Protein backbone atom coordinates (compact mmCIF):
# COMPACT_ATOMS: atom_id res chain seq x y z
CA MET A 1 -7.75 -48.78 16.35
CA TRP A 2 -10.29 -46.25 17.92
CA TRP A 3 -13.01 -44.56 15.54
CA PRO A 4 -15.56 -42.47 16.60
CA LYS A 5 -19.34 -43.81 16.07
CA SER A 6 -20.39 -40.04 15.25
CA PRO A 7 -20.33 -39.02 11.79
CA ARG A 8 -19.84 -35.69 13.16
CA LEU A 9 -16.81 -36.49 14.73
CA THR A 10 -15.50 -38.62 12.07
CA ARG A 11 -15.72 -35.50 10.07
CA ILE A 12 -13.65 -33.32 12.42
CA PHE A 13 -10.80 -35.78 12.41
CA ALA A 14 -10.87 -35.96 8.65
CA VAL A 15 -10.33 -32.10 8.61
CA LEU A 16 -7.82 -32.00 11.47
CA ALA A 17 -5.82 -35.01 9.37
CA LEU A 18 -5.95 -33.02 6.18
CA ALA A 19 -5.02 -29.76 7.97
CA GLY A 20 -2.17 -31.47 9.48
CA LEU A 21 -1.03 -32.92 6.01
CA THR A 22 -1.09 -29.18 4.63
CA ALA A 23 0.44 -27.35 7.38
CA GLY A 24 3.93 -27.47 6.09
CA CYS A 25 2.75 -25.99 2.79
CA PHE A 26 2.21 -22.51 4.49
CA GLN A 27 4.85 -19.69 4.11
CA PRO A 28 4.10 -16.26 5.60
CA LEU A 29 4.34 -13.59 2.93
CA TYR A 30 6.88 -11.37 4.87
CA GLY A 31 8.74 -14.45 6.58
CA ASP A 32 12.35 -14.99 5.82
CA LYS A 33 13.10 -18.00 3.08
CA THR A 34 14.28 -20.87 5.01
CA ALA A 35 15.51 -22.91 1.79
CA GLY A 36 17.91 -20.74 0.20
CA GLY A 37 17.22 -17.91 -1.80
CA ALA A 38 16.86 -14.03 -0.88
CA GLY A 39 14.10 -13.38 1.24
CA LEU A 40 11.39 -10.70 0.65
CA ASP A 41 12.92 -7.89 2.46
CA ASN A 42 16.00 -8.23 0.35
CA LYS A 43 13.85 -8.28 -2.97
CA LEU A 44 11.94 -5.15 -1.69
CA ALA A 45 14.93 -3.37 -0.76
CA GLY A 46 16.55 -3.70 -4.30
CA VAL A 47 13.41 -1.63 -5.94
CA ASP A 48 14.92 2.03 -6.71
CA VAL A 49 11.78 4.25 -6.24
CA GLN A 50 12.23 7.07 -8.54
CA PRO A 51 10.80 10.83 -7.50
CA ILE A 52 7.66 11.41 -8.30
CA ILE A 53 7.03 14.09 -10.91
CA THR A 54 4.32 16.59 -9.95
CA PRO A 55 3.91 20.47 -10.57
CA ASN A 56 6.53 22.34 -8.19
CA GLY A 57 4.79 24.55 -5.67
CA THR A 58 1.35 22.55 -5.39
CA PRO A 59 0.07 20.41 -2.52
CA LEU A 60 0.49 17.57 -4.83
CA ALA A 61 4.39 17.86 -4.70
CA ARG A 62 4.30 17.65 -1.16
CA ILE A 63 2.24 14.64 -1.33
CA GLY A 64 4.42 13.03 -3.88
CA VAL A 65 7.38 13.41 -1.49
CA ASN A 66 5.03 11.91 1.27
CA VAL A 67 4.59 8.82 -1.07
CA ARG A 68 8.01 8.16 -2.27
CA ASN A 69 9.46 8.55 1.43
CA ASP A 70 6.62 6.19 2.94
CA LEU A 71 7.53 3.86 -0.02
CA VAL A 72 11.26 3.84 0.60
CA TYR A 73 11.05 3.56 4.35
CA ASP A 74 8.42 0.53 3.75
CA LEU A 75 10.95 -1.13 1.06
CA THR A 76 14.10 -0.72 2.78
CA GLY A 77 13.05 -0.83 6.39
CA GLY A 78 15.02 2.41 7.34
CA GLY A 79 18.21 0.51 6.27
CA GLY A 80 20.04 1.23 3.09
CA GLN A 81 19.29 -0.16 -0.23
CA ALA A 82 20.57 -3.37 -1.39
CA SER A 83 21.85 -3.86 -5.10
CA LEU A 84 19.11 -2.37 -7.27
CA THR A 85 17.13 -4.82 -9.30
CA HIS A 86 13.83 -3.05 -10.40
CA ARG A 87 12.86 0.63 -10.91
CA LEU A 88 9.44 2.02 -9.46
CA THR A 89 7.98 4.76 -11.03
CA ILE A 90 4.45 6.47 -10.03
CA LYS A 91 2.16 9.15 -11.37
CA LEU A 92 -0.30 10.79 -8.64
CA ASN A 93 -3.55 12.73 -9.33
CA ALA A 94 -5.51 14.24 -6.57
CA THR A 95 -9.21 14.86 -6.30
CA GLN A 96 -11.22 17.01 -3.91
CA LEU A 97 -14.79 16.54 -3.34
CA GLN A 98 -17.40 18.32 -1.02
CA VAL A 99 -19.40 15.55 0.67
CA ILE A 100 -21.58 17.77 2.98
CA VAL A 101 -22.53 21.44 2.62
CA ASP A 102 -23.83 23.71 5.53
CA ILE A 103 -27.38 24.50 3.81
CA ASN A 104 -27.45 28.04 5.89
CA THR A 105 -23.78 29.01 5.13
CA ALA A 106 -23.47 27.06 1.73
CA ARG A 107 -19.84 26.11 3.26
CA PRO A 108 -18.61 22.64 2.78
CA ASP A 109 -18.60 20.95 6.35
CA VAL A 110 -17.23 17.57 5.42
CA GLN A 111 -14.63 17.09 2.18
CA ASN A 112 -13.40 13.76 0.80
CA PHE A 113 -9.90 13.89 -0.34
CA GLY A 114 -8.75 11.50 -3.01
CA ILE A 115 -5.20 10.02 -4.50
CA ASP A 116 -5.30 8.15 -7.89
CA ALA A 117 -1.92 6.47 -8.43
CA SER A 118 -0.59 4.68 -11.39
CA TYR A 119 2.69 2.85 -11.18
CA THR A 120 5.09 0.82 -13.14
CA LEU A 121 7.84 -1.66 -12.06
CA THR A 122 10.52 -2.27 -14.50
CA ASP A 123 13.50 -4.82 -14.36
CA ILE A 124 16.60 -2.84 -14.74
CA ARG A 125 18.68 -5.63 -15.96
CA THR A 126 16.92 -6.08 -19.23
CA GLY A 127 14.30 -3.12 -19.27
CA LYS A 128 11.34 -5.04 -19.45
CA THR A 129 8.13 -3.86 -17.64
CA VAL A 130 7.19 -6.51 -15.08
CA ILE A 131 4.24 -4.74 -13.14
CA THR A 132 1.73 -1.83 -14.29
CA GLY A 133 -0.84 -1.12 -11.88
CA GLN A 134 -3.26 1.58 -10.44
CA THR A 135 -4.50 2.23 -6.74
CA PHE A 136 -6.48 4.78 -4.81
CA SER A 137 -7.20 6.27 -1.55
CA ARG A 138 -10.27 8.31 -0.43
CA VAL A 139 -10.61 9.91 2.83
CA SER A 140 -12.61 12.09 4.39
CA TYR A 141 -12.11 15.40 6.77
CA ASN A 142 -14.00 18.01 8.42
CA ILE A 143 -14.09 21.60 8.12
CA PRO A 144 -14.99 23.14 11.60
CA GLY A 145 -16.11 26.58 10.26
CA GLN A 146 -15.01 29.77 9.20
CA GLN A 147 -13.42 31.22 12.54
CA GLN A 148 -11.21 28.05 12.59
CA ARG A 149 -9.49 28.27 9.10
CA PHE A 150 -6.15 26.65 10.53
CA ALA A 151 -8.21 23.69 11.83
CA GLY A 152 -9.67 23.28 8.38
CA ALA A 153 -6.17 23.44 6.71
CA ARG A 154 -4.65 21.14 9.29
CA GLY A 155 -7.42 18.67 8.47
CA MET A 156 -6.79 18.97 4.84
CA ARG A 157 -2.92 18.06 5.27
CA ASP A 158 -3.78 15.09 7.80
CA ALA A 159 -5.96 13.90 4.86
CA GLU A 160 -3.36 14.08 2.81
CA ASN A 161 -1.00 12.32 5.12
CA ARG A 162 -3.31 9.60 5.40
CA ALA A 163 -3.96 9.13 1.76
CA ALA A 164 -0.31 9.09 0.87
CA LYS A 165 0.38 6.32 3.44
CA VAL A 166 -2.52 4.28 2.00
CA ILE A 167 -1.21 4.81 -1.51
CA ALA A 168 2.35 3.58 -0.46
CA ASP A 169 1.07 0.48 1.65
CA ASN A 170 -1.03 -0.57 -1.53
CA ILE A 171 2.04 -0.20 -3.96
CA LYS A 172 4.05 -2.18 -1.36
CA SER A 173 1.46 -4.95 -0.86
CA ARG A 174 1.19 -5.28 -4.60
CA LEU A 175 5.14 -5.28 -4.84
CA ALA A 176 5.56 -7.89 -2.06
CA SER A 177 2.95 -10.27 -4.09
CA TYR A 178 4.84 -9.87 -7.26
CA PHE A 179 8.24 -10.87 -5.34
CA VAL A 180 6.53 -14.03 -3.78
CA ALA A 181 4.36 -15.24 -6.62
CA GLY A 182 6.15 -13.90 -9.63
CA THR A 183 2.84 -12.63 -11.00
């Protein structure tokens, strides 16, 4: 058998041989299982996302609805829910911080909007809590000035929507890792 005389080429061949041996061990997170059992999509679709309890008539109530809607769509893919196996409850807190203040007018130019979320996943069959976690999102937005109030309000709403989407994505990723790895 031909063998390279250079130690560098020997190392490259060894790495390629090891990579070839372990190539069959890789399974994509969101791929369907090929060796029996339910795929990740079916497990995620079995999560019942509870309505998020927030004070009525507040911006946080609208954000809670956005987080829940994004999660339900992400978990079910827009289709119907499978048989429910787990229950997800979420609690939200919102924060707002002035990042840059105009020194001439003492009005904020850039604000930072944040959402802190804590969530619990419970197995419906046993009633046992399987996951508890926390996540957060911080997004900034500009306030163009006193004459453009609508633009400032719209910037804040867009920041709230972006933060809600980040929270939903973070929770979905954590649930996916639980259903794949079991931890």
